[in-house]
Amino acid sequence: MTTLQVGTASGGESNRTQNVFVATRMEPTTSPEIAIADSVATNPLLDPTILWTRGEHCRELAGILSPTANHVEGDLTQACIDARADLLVTARASAFRLISTAVPHGFDRDSKVPAVVGAVGTGPHTPLVASLTGLIAVGLGTDAVLLTVSRSDAEDEHAVATLDSLDPLAPGAGTKVVRAETAAGLIDSLPADALLVLGAPGGSWWQRQFFGPGRRLIHRAPAGSVVAKAAPRRCFQAMDDITPLGRHMRSRDALAVMTHPAAAVADAGILIGIVRRSTLEQTPTGTVGGLMEPVASVMADDPIDAATDLVHFMERSPIPVVDPQGRLLGGFLGAGA
């Protein structure tokens, strides 16, 4: 069993107590709450492609996250699709929902940061917060800590399970549960000069504590903060390049190059249909255009869940991804393929 240190923070320096008790990470449980916590650890930033916009500290943060991060301006949506970007570092993310974002506040990469602290919970931004915490710590050559809050004994087991589920997203990160009634108390418990990473406003009590009226606590973080906002994974982020079949190809020629049970058919770059190996095998002297079926595809900016119904229809072959003009951009194997 692994033990986690649990401290308390009341918000005042004089009466703040640390290391009050030790919580034990329990064996797996069938509790619905724990099951939710165990399900969040899908890494949103595995070998990420990162773009950054103009804005204070955006270039610096992007450079820490990836040495190949690129500057972007103009049409952000098209730039993200063209680059198949995973994350946008930007000064303001409130209206941009295509991909996940990271917004630095008062961040200075030249200052000595002894620790990067990720404030995590069970909200939708938690996996991104954990991943960013680990990446920033590696980029700065410092320690990473994932920290969550527990307001009472009844919440301790769930808090520990949440941290346990996030281990793969920030390998080697320390973990801590803090007893706190407010986010002010938690911030007061941070190490001096620590950089805070937290999720965007909305959802949980935890996030409302940071962003509610009169609680702009992100500006009180010792070495600044990074606010993470997660977006659903999009089809363009999952796709790879594919080579479509031409409509005039003979069945036997198409069969010689097909690597999956079904394939996209395109004409001058426009997706015009799909054709199945089984159909071509039944008519070896036919043409692809004469044997193809109507178009089956997803849009580049669709969430990948939109492709669920096409996985079986495409017989676990790459699902075509198109732009609004019907141009074939690529394809991807849906979940379960």
Foldseek 3Di string as FASTA:
>chain_A
DDKAFEAAFEQDPVPGTGRPDIDDQDDDDPDPLLVLLLPQQDALADVFAEEEEDDPCQVVLQCLLDVPYYYDDDPPVVVCLVSLGAEYEYQDCPPPFLHKYKHWFLADLPDDAQEEEEEADSDPCRSVSLLSQQSNCVSSVHAYEYEYEDQDPVCVNSQSSNVVSHCVNRPPHHYYYYHYPAVSRVLVPDDARYEYEYEAADDDPHRCRCDPVPRVCQNVRRNTYMYIYGHFNFFSNAFDADDAAEQFAALVVVLVPDPAQKGFYDDPQATAFMAGNVQSVVPRGHTNNVHTDGAFAEERSHRLVVCVVVLVVRPQDWGFYAHPVRGTDGTHGHPPD
